[in-house]
Amino acid sequence: MVKKAIVADKGLVARCGLYCGACRSYLFGRCPGCAKNEKAAWCKIRSCCISGNIATCAECVEFKNPLDCKKYNNAISKVIGFILRSNRSKCIARIREIGLEAYAIEMAASGRQSLPR
């Protein structure tokens, strides 16, 4: 299996703030990324963003802090965050600070799918 190169693409920013463009599953062709992953109907964050017509939780007007949202901050997300050592709320804060395109560029340059804890 051929590994894709990490590229800066705001379309590869997951609804929750992770950067799919640096994820091993995406890079090795096992996952199309959050935006194109039709099998991810189980993800409440993805469903919420799609129904609200927003790219990521950074655009949410209901919750200034994503950790206040039960769809965003639940037991499954905490386990996934622990396993992946990710900090999705820090990612959302960074998107709000610098914008989606600059965030994608920053994450691609770092080669990471999440900002560190």
PDB file of N, CA and C in Angstrom:
ATOM      1  N   MET A   1       0.840  -1.181   0.000  1.00  0.00           N
ATOM      2  CA  MET A   1       0.000   0.000   0.000  1.00  0.00           C
ATOM      3  C   MET A   1       0.889   1.251   0.000  1.00  0.00           C
ATOM      4  N   VAL A   2       0.601   2.169  -0.875  1.00  0.00           N
ATOM      5  CA  VAL A   2       1.395   3.392  -1.018  1.00  0.00           C
ATOM      6  C   VAL A   2       0.893   4.447  -0.044  1.00  0.00           C
ATOM      7  N   LYS A   3       1.816   5.045   0.654  1.00  0.00           N
ATOM      8  CA  LYS A   3       1.475   6.105   1.612  1.00  0.00           C
ATOM      9  C   LYS A   3       1.350   7.434   0.886  1.00  0.00           C
ATOM     10  N   LYS A   4       0.236   8.143   1.153  1.00  0.00           N
ATOM     11  CA  LYS A   4       0.033   9.477   0.591  1.00  0.00           C
ATOM     12  C   LYS A   4       0.951  10.469   1.306  1.00  0.00           C
ATOM     13  N   ALA A   5       1.235  11.560   0.647  1.00  0.00           N
ATOM     14  CA  ALA A   5       2.000  12.642   1.267  1.00  0.00           C
ATOM     15  C   ALA A   5       1.048  13.485   2.116  1.00  0.00           C
ATOM     16  N   ILE A   6       1.566  14.056   3.172  1.00  0.00           N
ATOM     17  CA  ILE A   6       0.766  14.961   4.004  1.00  0.00           C
ATOM     18  C   ILE A   6       0.692  16.304   3.287  1.00  0.00           C
ATOM     19  N   VAL A   7      -0.533  16.732   3.031  1.00  0.00           N
ATOM     20  CA  VAL A   7      -0.750  18.008   2.348  1.00  0.00           C
ATOM     21  C   VAL A   7      -1.674  18.881   3.188  1.00  0.00           C
ATOM     22  N   ALA A   8      -1.575  20.172   2.995  1.00  0.00           N
ATOM     23  CA  ALA A   8      -2.452  21.122   3.690  1.00  0.00           C
ATOM     24  C   ALA A   8      -3.752  21.234   2.898  1.00  0.00           C
ATOM     25  N   ASP A   9      -4.852  20.839   3.513  1.00  0.00           N
ATOM     26  CA  ASP A   9      -6.150  20.874   2.854  1.00  0.00           C
ATOM     27  C   ASP A   9      -7.219  21.063   3.922  1.00  0.00           C
ATOM     28  N   LYS A  10      -7.897  22.204   3.898  1.00  0.00           N
ATOM     29  CA  LYS A  10      -8.915  22.453   4.929  1.00  0.00           C
ATOM     30  C   LYS A  10     -10.048  21.437   4.855  1.00  0.00           C
ATOM     31  N   GLY A  11     -10.214  20.762   3.727  1.00  0.00           N
ATOM     32  CA  GLY A  11     -11.203  19.698   3.606  1.00  0.00           C
ATOM     33  C   GLY A  11     -10.830  18.450   4.375  1.00  0.00           C
ATOM     34  N   LEU A  12      -9.597  18.390   4.863  1.00  0.00           N
ATOM     35  CA  LEU A  12      -9.141  17.243   5.655  1.00  0.00           C
ATOM     36  C   LEU A  12      -9.180  17.508   7.157  1.00  0.00           C
ATOM     37  N   VAL A  13      -9.750  18.637   7.556  1.00  0.00           N
ATOM     38  CA  VAL A  13      -9.948  18.906   8.975  1.00  0.00           C
ATOM     39  C   VAL A  13     -11.258  18.230   9.380  1.00  0.00           C
ATOM     40  N   ALA A  14     -11.174  17.342  10.345  1.00  0.00           N
ATOM     41  CA  ALA A  14     -12.366  16.625  10.821  1.00  0.00           C
ATOM     42  C   ALA A  14     -13.300  17.588  11.542  1.00  0.00           C
ATOM     43  N   ARG A  15     -14.557  17.231  11.619  1.00  0.00           N
ATOM     44  CA  ARG A  15     -15.564  18.062  12.283  1.00  0.00           C
ATOM     45  C   ARG A  15     -15.171  18.357  13.728  1.00  0.00           C
ATOM     46  N   CYS A  16     -14.486  17.415  14.371  1.00  0.00           N
ATOM     47  CA  CYS A  16     -14.105  17.561  15.781  1.00  0.00           C
ATOM     48  C   CYS A  16     -12.800  18.330  15.961  1.00  0.00           C
ATOM     49  N   GLY A  17     -12.111  18.651  14.861  1.00  0.00           N
ATOM     50  CA  GLY A  17     -10.878  19.422  14.952  1.00  0.00           C
ATOM     51  C   GLY A  17      -9.613  18.636  14.675  1.00  0.00           C
ATOM     52  N   LEU A  18      -9.685  17.310  14.632  1.00  0.00           N
ATOM     53  CA  LEU A  18      -8.495  16.532  14.290  1.00  0.00           C
ATOM     54  C   LEU A  18      -8.143  16.775  12.833  1.00  0.00           C
ATOM     55  N   TYR A  19      -6.891  16.543  12.472  1.00  0.00           N
ATOM     56  CA  TYR A  19      -6.463  16.734  11.094  1.00  0.00           C
ATOM     57  C   TYR A  19      -6.294  15.378  10.414  1.00  0.00           C
ATOM     58  N   CYS A  20      -7.298  14.995   9.622  1.00  0.00           N
ATOM     59  CA  CYS A  20      -7.292  13.709   8.928  1.00  0.00           C
ATOM     60  C   CYS A  20      -6.106  13.578   7.982  1.00  0.00           C
ATOM     61  N   GLY A  21      -5.624  14.688   7.458  1.00  0.00           N
ATOM     62  CA  GLY A  21      -4.520  14.679   6.504  1.00  0.00           C
ATOM     63  C   GLY A  21      -3.218  14.136   7.052  1.00  0.00           C
ATOM     64  N   ALA A  22      -3.110  13.988   8.367  1.00  0.00           N
ATOM     65  CA  ALA A  22      -1.902  13.430   8.983  1.00  0.00           C
ATOM     66  C   ALA A  22      -2.189  12.106   9.698  1.00  0.00           C
ATOM     67  N   CYS A  23      -3.394  11.590   9.539  1.00  0.00           N
ATOM     68  CA  CYS A  23      -3.785  10.336  10.192  1.00  0.00           C
ATOM     69  C   CYS A  23      -3.270   9.146   9.378  1.00  0.00           C
ATOM     70  N   ARG A  24      -2.728   8.150  10.043  1.00  0.00           N
ATOM     71  CA  ARG A  24      -2.188   6.966   9.355  1.00  0.00           C
ATOM     72  C   ARG A  24      -3.252   6.260   8.518  1.00  0.00           C
ATOM     73  N   SER A  25      -4.472   6.180   9.038  1.00  0.00           N
ATOM     74  CA  SER A  25      -5.532   5.506   8.281  1.00  0.00           C
ATOM     75  C   SER A  25      -5.810   6.235   6.973  1.00  0.00           C
ATOM     76  N   TYR A  26      -5.832   7.541   7.018  1.00  0.00           N
ATOM     77  CA  TYR A  26      -6.039   8.332   5.801  1.00  0.00           C
ATOM     78  C   TYR A  26      -4.834   8.197   4.868  1.00  0.00           C
ATOM     79  N   LEU A  27      -3.640   8.350   5.413  1.00  0.00           N
ATOM     80  CA  LEU A  27      -2.434   8.334   4.597  1.00  0.00           C
ATOM     81  C   LEU A  27      -2.217   7.008   3.870  1.00  0.00           C
ATOM     82  N   PHE A  28      -2.707   5.913   4.456  1.00  0.00           N
ATOM     83  CA  PHE A  28      -2.550   4.605   3.827  1.00  0.00           C
ATOM     84  C   PHE A  28      -3.816   4.146   3.099  1.00  0.00           C
ATOM     85  N   GLY A  29      -4.757   5.073   2.906  1.00  0.00           N
ATOM     86  CA  GLY A  29      -5.935   4.784   2.099  1.00  0.00           C
ATOM     87  C   GLY A  29      -7.001   3.928   2.752  1.00  0.00           C
ATOM     88  N   ARG A  30      -6.945   3.771   4.065  1.00  0.00           N
ATOM     89  CA  ARG A  30      -7.949   2.967   4.764  1.00  0.00           C
ATOM     90  C   ARG A  30      -9.154   3.780   5.217  1.00  0.00           C
ATOM     91  N   CYS A  31      -9.063   5.101   5.134  1.00  0.00           N
ATOM     92  CA  CYS A  31     -10.149   5.998   5.541  1.00  0.00           C
ATOM     93  C   CYS A  31     -10.153   7.197   4.600  1.00  0.00           C
ATOM     94  N   PRO A  32     -11.333   7.633   4.163  1.00  0.00           N
ATOM     95  CA  PRO A  32     -11.384   8.783   3.265  1.00  0.00           C
ATOM     96  C   PRO A  32     -11.309  10.137   3.975  1.00  0.00           C
ATOM     97  N   GLY A  33     -11.234  10.115   5.295  1.00  0.00           N
ATOM     98  CA  GLY A  33     -11.268  11.353   6.068  1.00  0.00           C
ATOM     99  C   GLY A  33     -12.688  11.634   6.522  1.00  0.00           C
ATOM    100  N   CYS A  34     -12.835  12.447   7.514  1.00  0.00           N
ATOM    101  CA  CYS A  34     -14.139  12.725   8.125  1.00  0.00           C
ATOM    102  C   CYS A  34     -15.183  13.201   7.120  1.00  0.00           C
ATOM    103  N   ALA A  35     -14.829  14.163   6.299  1.00  0.00           N
ATOM    104  CA  ALA A  35     -15.797  14.777   5.383  1.00  0.00           C
ATOM    105  C   ALA A  35     -16.399  13.774   4.405  1.00  0.00           C
ATOM    106  N   LYS A  36     -15.624  12.797   3.976  1.00  0.00           N
ATOM    107  CA  LYS A  36     -16.092  11.837   2.975  1.00  0.00           C
ATOM    108  C   LYS A  36     -16.431  10.467   3.554  1.00  0.00           C
ATOM    109  N   ASN A  37     -16.346  10.312   4.853  1.00  0.00           N
ATOM    110  CA  ASN A  37     -16.560   9.002   5.470  1.00  0.00           C
ATOM    111  C   ASN A  37     -18.045   8.751   5.741  1.00  0.00           C
ATOM    112  N   GLU A  38     -18.748   8.240   4.751  1.00  0.00           N
ATOM    113  CA  GLU A  38     -20.177   7.961   4.875  1.00  0.00           C
ATOM    114  C   GLU A  38     -20.460   6.879   5.913  1.00  0.00           C
ATOM    115  N   LYS A  39     -19.480   6.027   6.210  1.00  0.00           N
ATOM    116  CA  LYS A  39     -19.654   4.962   7.204  1.00  0.00           C
ATOM    117  C   LYS A  39     -19.635   5.503   8.630  1.00  0.00           C
ATOM    118  N   ALA A  40     -19.263   6.755   8.801  1.00  0.00           N
ATOM    119  CA  ALA A  40     -19.155   7.349  10.140  1.00  0.00           C
ATOM    120  C   ALA A  40     -20.480   7.944  10.612  1.00  0.00           C
ATOM    121  N   ALA A  41     -21.587   7.341  10.218  1.00  0.00           N
ATOM    122  CA  ALA A  41     -22.909   7.821  10.647  1.00  0.00           C
ATOM    123  C   ALA A  41     -23.052   7.727  12.169  1.00  0.00           C
ATOM    124  N   TRP A  42     -22.242   6.896  12.812  1.00  0.00           N
ATOM    125  CA  TRP A  42     -22.262   6.722  14.265  1.00  0.00           C
ATOM    126  C   TRP A  42     -21.725   7.954  14.993  1.00  0.00           C
ATOM    127  N   CYS A  43     -20.948   8.797  14.296  1.00  0.00           N
ATOM    128  CA  CYS A  43     -20.313   9.946  14.951  1.00  0.00           C
ATOM    129  C   CYS A  43     -21.316  11.086  15.129  1.00  0.00           C
ATOM    130  N   LYS A  44     -21.659  11.354  16.367  1.00  0.00           N
ATOM    131  CA  LYS A  44     -22.640  12.398  16.678  1.00  0.00           C
ATOM    132  C   LYS A  44     -22.108  13.790  16.343  1.00  0.00           C
ATOM    133  N   ILE A  45     -20.813  13.986  16.468  1.00  0.00           N
ATOM    134  CA  ILE A  45     -20.209  15.282  16.135  1.00  0.00           C
ATOM    135  C   ILE A  45     -20.355  15.550  14.636  1.00  0.00           C
ATOM    136  N   ARG A  46     -20.009  14.566  13.853  1.00  0.00           N
ATOM    137  CA  ARG A  46     -20.115  14.692  12.391  1.00  0.00           C
ATOM    138  C   ARG A  46     -21.565  14.956  11.986  1.00  0.00           C
ATOM    139  N   SER A  47     -22.485  14.176  12.543  1.00  0.00           N
ATOM    140  CA  SER A  47     -23.910  14.349  12.222  1.00  0.00           C
ATOM    141  C   SER A  47     -24.411  15.735  12.609  1.00  0.00           C
ATOM    142  N   CYS A  48     -24.002  16.217  13.761  1.00  0.00           N
ATOM    143  CA  CYS A  48     -24.421  17.534  14.243  1.00  0.00           C
ATOM    144  C   CYS A  48     -23.903  18.637  13.315  1.00  0.00           C
ATOM    145  N   CYS A  49     -22.637  18.555  12.937  1.00  0.00           N
ATOM    146  CA  CYS A  49     -22.063  19.572  12.053  1.00  0.00           C
ATOM    147  C   CYS A  49     -22.734  19.547  10.685  1.00  0.00           C
ATOM    148  N   ILE A  50     -22.994  18.361  10.173  1.00  0.00           N
ATOM    149  CA  ILE A  50     -23.655  18.261   8.871  1.00  0.00           C
ATOM    150  C   ILE A  50     -25.056  18.854   8.947  1.00  0.00           C
ATOM    151  N   SER A  51     -25.805  18.505   9.995  1.00  0.00           N
ATOM    152  CA  SER A  51     -27.175  19.032  10.116  1.00  0.00           C
ATOM    153  C   SER A  51     -27.184  20.537  10.362  1.00  0.00           C
ATOM    154  N   GLY A  52     -26.148  21.057  11.003  1.00  0.00           N
ATOM    155  CA  GLY A  52     -26.036  22.498  11.246  1.00  0.00           C
ATOM    156  C   GLY A  52     -25.357  23.241  10.110  1.00  0.00           C
ATOM    157  N   ASN A  53     -24.941  22.490   9.076  1.00  0.00           N
ATOM    158  CA  ASN A  53     -24.279  23.064   7.910  1.00  0.00           C
ATOM    159  C   ASN A  53     -23.022  23.855   8.280  1.00  0.00           C
ATOM    160  N   ILE A  54     -22.215  23.269   9.177  1.00  0.00           N
ATOM    161  CA  ILE A  54     -20.953  23.891   9.573  1.00  0.00           C
ATOM    162  C   ILE A  54     -19.811  22.912   9.323  1.00  0.00           C
ATOM    163  N   ALA A  55     -18.626  23.444   9.056  1.00  0.00           N
ATOM    164  CA  ALA A  55     -17.469  22.611   8.730  1.00  0.00           C
ATOM    165  C   ALA A  55     -16.921  21.888   9.957  1.00  0.00           C
ATOM    166  N   THR A  56     -16.825  22.604  11.079  1.00  0.00           N
ATOM    167  CA  THR A  56     -16.289  22.022  12.312  1.00  0.00           C
ATOM    168  C   THR A  56     -17.020  22.611  13.517  1.00  0.00           C
ATOM    169  N   CYS A  57     -16.740  22.049  14.660  1.00  0.00           N
ATOM    170  CA  CYS A  57     -17.323  22.556  15.910  1.00  0.00           C
ATOM    171  C   CYS A  57     -16.840  23.976  16.222  1.00  0.00           C
ATOM    172  N   ALA A  58     -15.791  24.419  15.566  1.00  0.00           N
ATOM    173  CA  ALA A  58     -15.298  25.785  15.773  1.00  0.00           C
ATOM    174  C   ALA A  58     -16.339  26.814  15.345  1.00  0.00           C
ATOM    175  N   GLU A  59     -17.238  26.432  14.451  1.00  0.00           N
ATOM    176  CA  GLU A  59     -18.279  27.343  13.965  1.00  0.00           C
ATOM    177  C   GLU A  59     -19.557  27.278  14.809  1.00  0.00           C
ATOM    178  N   CYS A  60     -19.595  26.418  15.802  1.00  0.00           N
ATOM    179  CA  CYS A  60     -20.792  26.251  16.627  1.00  0.00           C
ATOM    180  C   CYS A  60     -21.077  27.516  17.436  1.00  0.00           C
ATOM    181  N   VAL A  61     -22.300  27.994  17.337  1.00  0.00           N
ATOM    182  CA  VAL A  61     -22.688  29.184  18.095  1.00  0.00           C
ATOM    183  C   VAL A  61     -23.391  28.813  19.402  1.00  0.00           C
ATOM    184  N   GLU A  62     -23.782  27.559  19.521  1.00  0.00           N
ATOM    185  CA  GLU A  62     -24.484  27.115  20.729  1.00  0.00           C
ATOM    186  C   GLU A  62     -23.525  26.916  21.905  1.00  0.00           C
ATOM    187  N   PHE A  63     -22.341  26.396  21.629  1.00  0.00           N
ATOM    188  CA  PHE A  63     -21.371  26.117  22.685  1.00  0.00           C
ATOM    189  C   PHE A  63     -20.058  26.837  22.393  1.00  0.00           C
ATOM    190  N   LYS A  64     -19.717  27.815  23.195  1.00  0.00           N
ATOM    191  CA  LYS A  64     -18.432  28.506  23.045  1.00  0.00           C
ATOM    192  C   LYS A  64     -17.279  27.564  23.389  1.00  0.00           C
ATOM    193  N   ASN A  65     -17.502  26.696  24.366  1.00  0.00           N
ATOM    194  CA  ASN A  65     -16.522  25.696  24.761  1.00  0.00           C
ATOM    195  C   ASN A  65     -17.067  24.335  24.346  1.00  0.00           C
ATOM    196  N   PRO A  66     -16.404  23.633  23.419  1.00  0.00           N
ATOM    197  CA  PRO A  66     -16.929  22.346  22.967  1.00  0.00           C
ATOM    198  C   PRO A  66     -17.073  21.319  24.090  1.00  0.00           C
ATOM    199  N   LEU A  67     -16.318  21.501  25.169  1.00  0.00           N
ATOM    200  CA  LEU A  67     -16.418  20.554  26.281  1.00  0.00           C
ATOM    201  C   LEU A  67     -17.762  20.656  27.007  1.00  0.00           C
ATOM    202  N   ASP A  68     -18.512  21.723  26.748  1.00  0.00           N
ATOM    203  CA  ASP A  68     -19.856  21.864  27.320  1.00  0.00           C
ATOM    204  C   ASP A  68     -20.903  21.093  26.515  1.00  0.00           C
ATOM    205  N   CYS A  69     -20.542  20.621  25.339  1.00  0.00           N
ATOM    206  CA  CYS A  69     -21.456  19.897  24.453  1.00  0.00           C
ATOM    207  C   CYS A  69     -21.378  18.400  24.735  1.00  0.00           C
ATOM    208  N   LYS A  70     -22.512  17.785  25.011  1.00  0.00           N
ATOM    209  CA  LYS A  70     -22.537  16.345  25.311  1.00  0.00           C
ATOM    210  C   LYS A  70     -22.221  15.491  24.093  1.00  0.00           C
ATOM    211  N   LYS A  71     -22.458  16.001  22.902  1.00  0.00           N
ATOM    212  CA  LYS A  71     -22.097  15.255  21.689  1.00  0.00           C
ATOM    213  C   LYS A  71     -20.583  15.249  21.509  1.00  0.00           C
ATOM    214  N   TYR A  72     -19.945  16.327  21.883  1.00  0.00           N
ATOM    215  CA  TYR A  72     -18.502  16.482  21.719  1.00  0.00           C
ATOM    216  C   TYR A  72     -17.724  15.849  22.872  1.00  0.00           C
ATOM    217  N   ASN A  73     -18.221  16.021  24.053  1.00  0.00           N
ATOM    218  CA  ASN A  73     -17.512  15.589  25.254  1.00  0.00           C
ATOM    219  C   ASN A  73     -18.283  14.455  25.933  1.00  0.00           C
ATOM    220  N   ASN A  74     -18.002  13.224  25.513  1.00  0.00           N
ATOM    221  CA  ASN A  74     -18.659  12.064  26.091  1.00  0.00           C
ATOM    222  C   ASN A  74     -17.625  10.983  26.402  1.00  0.00           C
ATOM    223  N   ALA A  75     -18.071   9.876  26.942  1.00  0.00           N
ATOM    224  CA  ALA A  75     -17.144   8.815  27.359  1.00  0.00           C
ATOM    225  C   ALA A  75     -16.322   8.274  26.188  1.00  0.00           C
ATOM    226  N   ILE A  76     -16.963   8.060  25.049  1.00  0.00           N
ATOM    227  CA  ILE A  76     -16.238   7.523  23.889  1.00  0.00           C
ATOM    228  C   ILE A  76     -15.161   8.498  23.436  1.00  0.00           C
ATOM    229  N   SER A  77     -15.489   9.782  23.378  1.00  0.00           N
ATOM    230  CA  SER A  77     -14.494  10.761  22.928  1.00  0.00           C
ATOM    231  C   SER A  77     -13.326  10.848  23.913  1.00  0.00           C
ATOM    232  N   LYS A  78     -13.604  10.680  25.188  1.00  0.00           N
ATOM    233  CA  LYS A  78     -12.521  10.712  26.180  1.00  0.00           C
ATOM    234  C   LYS A  78     -11.586   9.520  26.010  1.00  0.00           C
ATOM    235  N   VAL A  79     -12.148   8.352  25.736  1.00  0.00           N
ATOM    236  CA  VAL A  79     -11.330   7.153  25.518  1.00  0.00           C
ATOM    237  C   VAL A  79     -10.491   7.318  24.257  1.00  0.00           C
ATOM    238  N   ILE A  80     -11.123   7.770  23.173  1.00  0.00           N
ATOM    239  CA  ILE A  80     -10.401   7.974  21.914  1.00  0.00           C
ATOM    240  C   ILE A  80      -9.300   9.018  22.101  1.00  0.00           C
ATOM    241  N   GLY A  81      -9.606  10.093  22.813  1.00  0.00           N
ATOM    242  CA  GLY A  81      -8.608  11.118  23.087  1.00  0.00           C
ATOM    243  C   GLY A  81      -7.427  10.587  23.874  1.00  0.00           C
ATOM    244  N   PHE A  82      -7.704   9.712  24.830  1.00  0.00           N
ATOM    245  CA  PHE A  82      -6.642   9.112  25.635  1.00  0.00           C
ATOM    246  C   PHE A  82      -5.771   8.193  24.779  1.00  0.00           C
ATOM    247  N   ILE A  83      -6.423   7.347  23.989  1.00  0.00           N
ATOM    248  CA  ILE A  83      -5.688   6.396  23.149  1.00  0.00           C
ATOM    249  C   ILE A  83      -4.839   7.124  22.108  1.00  0.00           C
ATOM    250  N   LEU A  84      -5.424   8.105  21.453  1.00  0.00           N
ATOM    251  CA  LEU A  84      -4.707   8.845  20.406  1.00  0.00           C
ATOM    252  C   LEU A  84      -3.828   9.967  20.946  1.00  0.00           C
ATOM    253  N   ARG A  85      -3.927  10.214  22.250  1.00  0.00           N
ATOM    254  CA  ARG A  85      -3.208  11.319  22.891  1.00  0.00           C
ATOM    255  C   ARG A  85      -3.532  12.637  22.199  1.00  0.00           C
ATOM    256  N   SER A  86      -4.825  12.813  21.901  1.00  0.00           N
ATOM    257  CA  SER A  86      -5.260  14.006  21.186  1.00  0.00           C
ATOM    258  C   SER A  86      -5.935  15.004  22.114  1.00  0.00           C
ATOM    259  N   ASN A  87      -5.959  16.235  21.662  1.00  0.00           N
ATOM    260  CA  ASN A  87      -6.613  17.298  22.410  1.00  0.00           C
ATOM    261  C   ASN A  87      -7.520  18.052  21.437  1.00  0.00           C
ATOM    262  N   ARG A  88      -8.693  17.463  21.188  1.00  0.00           N
ATOM    263  CA  ARG A  88      -9.595  18.021  20.200  1.00  0.00           C
ATOM    264  C   ARG A  88     -10.089  19.408  20.580  1.00  0.00           C
ATOM    265  N   SER A  89     -10.323  19.665  21.855  1.00  0.00           N
ATOM    266  CA  SER A  89     -10.816  20.993  22.242  1.00  0.00           C
ATOM    267  C   SER A  89      -9.744  22.057  21.999  1.00  0.00           C
ATOM    268  N   LYS A  90      -8.483  21.698  22.171  1.00  0.00           N
ATOM    269  CA  LYS A  90      -7.395  22.623  21.860  1.00  0.00           C
ATOM    270  C   LYS A  90      -7.340  22.872  20.354  1.00  0.00           C
ATOM    271  N   CYS A  91      -7.635  21.843  19.564  1.00  0.00           N
ATOM    272  CA  CYS A  91      -7.681  21.983  18.107  1.00  0.00           C
ATOM    273  C   CYS A  91      -8.795  22.941  17.702  1.00  0.00           C
ATOM    274  N   ILE A  92      -9.972  22.794  18.310  1.00  0.00           N
ATOM    275  CA  ILE A  92     -11.102  23.679  18.001  1.00  0.00           C
ATOM    276  C   ILE A  92     -10.756  25.121  18.377  1.00  0.00           C
ATOM    277  N   ALA A  93     -10.123  25.304  19.524  1.00  0.00           N
ATOM    278  CA  ALA A  93      -9.721  26.653  19.956  1.00  0.00           C
ATOM    279  C   ALA A  93      -8.734  27.254  18.951  1.00  0.00           C
ATOM    280  N   ARG A  94      -7.834  26.437  18.438  1.00  0.00           N
ATOM    281  CA  ARG A  94      -6.838  26.932  17.472  1.00  0.00           C
ATOM    282  C   ARG A  94      -7.507  27.310  16.143  1.00  0.00           C
ATOM    283  N   ILE A  95      -8.479  26.513  15.709  1.00  0.00           N
ATOM    284  CA  ILE A  95      -9.217  26.843  14.481  1.00  0.00           C
ATOM    285  C   ILE A  95      -9.925  28.180  14.653  1.00  0.00           C
ATOM    286  N   ARG A  96     -10.540  28.384  15.808  1.00  0.00           N
ATOM    287  CA  ARG A  96     -11.222  29.663  16.072  1.00  0.00           C
ATOM    288  C   ARG A  96     -10.233  30.821  16.064  1.00  0.00           C
ATOM    289  N   GLU A  97      -9.027  30.560  16.529  1.00  0.00           N
ATOM    290  CA  GLU A  97      -8.003  31.605  16.636  1.00  0.00           C
ATOM    291  C   GLU A  97      -7.431  32.007  15.274  1.00  0.00           C
ATOM    292  N   ILE A  98      -7.088  31.019  14.434  1.00  0.00           N
ATOM    293  CA  ILE A  98      -6.377  31.335  13.194  1.00  0.00           C
ATOM    294  C   ILE A  98      -7.162  31.015  11.913  1.00  0.00           C
ATOM    295  N   GLY A  99      -8.274  30.341  12.026  1.00  0.00           N
ATOM    296  CA  GLY A  99      -9.066  29.992  10.847  1.00  0.00           C
ATOM    297  C   GLY A  99      -8.752  28.601  10.339  1.00  0.00           C
ATOM    298  N   LEU A 100      -9.676  28.054   9.590  1.00  0.00           N
ATOM    299  CA  LEU A 100      -9.594  26.670   9.120  1.00  0.00           C
ATOM    300  C   LEU A 100      -8.427  26.443   8.162  1.00  0.00           C
ATOM    301  N   GLU A 101      -8.245  27.337   7.208  1.00  0.00           N
ATOM    302  CA  GLU A 101      -7.175  27.146   6.225  1.00  0.00           C
ATOM    303  C   GLU A 101      -5.790  27.228   6.869  1.00  0.00           C
ATOM    304  N   ALA A 102      -5.581  28.217   7.725  1.00  0.00           N
ATOM    305  CA  ALA A 102      -4.286  28.352   8.408  1.00  0.00           C
ATOM    306  C   ALA A 102      -4.038  27.165   9.335  1.00  0.00           C
ATOM    307  N   TYR A 103      -5.102  26.662   9.949  1.00  0.00           N
ATOM    308  CA  TYR A 103      -4.983  25.490  10.820  1.00  0.00           C
ATOM    309  C   TYR A 103      -4.536  24.273  10.007  1.00  0.00           C
ATOM    310  N   ALA A 104      -5.134  24.070   8.837  1.00  0.00           N
ATOM    311  CA  ALA A 104      -4.757  22.941   7.983  1.00  0.00           C
ATOM    312  C   ALA A 104      -3.288  23.048   7.577  1.00  0.00           C
ATOM    313  N   ILE A 105      -2.847  24.239   7.247  1.00  0.00           N
ATOM    314  CA  ILE A 105      -1.447  24.459   6.873  1.00  0.00           C
ATOM    315  C   ILE A 105      -0.531  24.144   8.056  1.00  0.00           C
ATOM    316  N   GLU A 106      -0.909  24.631   9.224  1.00  0.00           N
ATOM    317  CA  GLU A 106      -0.121  24.412  10.437  1.00  0.00           C
ATOM    318  C   GLU A 106      -0.030  22.920  10.778  1.00  0.00           C
ATOM    319  N   MET A 107      -1.155  22.220  10.697  1.00  0.00           N
ATOM    320  CA  MET A 107      -1.170  20.799  11.054  1.00  0.00           C
ATOM    321  C   MET A 107      -0.403  19.968  10.028  1.00  0.00           C
ATOM    322  N   ALA A 108      -0.538  20.292   8.757  1.00  0.00           N
ATOM    323  CA  ALA A 108       0.207  19.570   7.718  1.00  0.00           C
ATOM    324  C   ALA A 108       1.708  19.757   7.926  1.00  0.00           C
ATOM    325  N   ALA A 109       2.113  20.979   8.239  1.00  0.00           N
ATOM    326  CA  ALA A 109       3.532  21.262   8.471  1.00  0.00           C
ATOM    327  C   ALA A 109       4.064  20.500   9.690  1.00  0.00           C
ATOM    328  N   SER A 110       3.209  20.323  10.699  1.00  0.00           N
ATOM    329  CA  SER A 110       3.643  19.616  11.906  1.00  0.00           C
ATOM    330  C   SER A 110       3.612  18.100  11.726  1.00  0.00           C
ATOM    331  N   GLY A 111       2.819  17.628  10.759  1.00  0.00           N
ATOM    332  CA  GLY A 111       2.699  16.186  10.535  1.00  0.00           C
ATOM    333  C   GLY A 111       1.893  15.482  11.606  1.00  0.00           C
ATOM    334  N   ARG A 112       1.115  16.247  12.366  1.00  0.00           N
ATOM    335  CA  ARG A 112       0.329  15.671  13.467  1.00  0.00           C
ATOM    336  C   ARG A 112      -1.158  15.767  13.157  1.00  0.00           C
ATOM    337  N   GLN A 113      -1.922  14.848  13.728  1.00  0.00           N
ATOM    338  CA  GLN A 113      -3.375  14.928  13.537  1.00  0.00           C
ATOM    339  C   GLN A 113      -4.045  15.671  14.663  1.00  0.00           C
ATOM    340  N   SER A 114      -3.315  15.995  15.716  1.00  0.00           N
ATOM    341  CA  SER A 114      -3.882  16.730  16.838  1.00  0.00           C
ATOM    342  C   SER A 114      -2.814  17.597  17.476  1.00  0.00           C
ATOM    343  N   LEU A 115      -3.262  18.647  18.109  1.00  0.00           N
ATOM    344  CA  LEU A 115      -2.346  19.430  18.940  1.00  0.00           C
ATOM    345  C   LEU A 115      -2.078  18.618  20.196  1.00  0.00           C
ATOM    346  N   PRO A 116      -0.887  18.757  20.758  1.00  0.00           N
ATOM    347  CA  PRO A 116      -0.560  17.966  21.946  1.00  0.00           C
ATOM    348  C   PRO A 116      -1.378  18.369  23.161  1.00  0.00           C
ATOM    349  N   ARG A 117      -1.495  17.444  24.065  1.00  0.00           N
ATOM    350  CA  ARG A 117      -2.233  17.688  25.315  1.00  0.00           C
ATOM    351  C   ARG A 117      -1.541  18.697  26.164  1.00  0.00           C
TER     352      ARG A 117
END
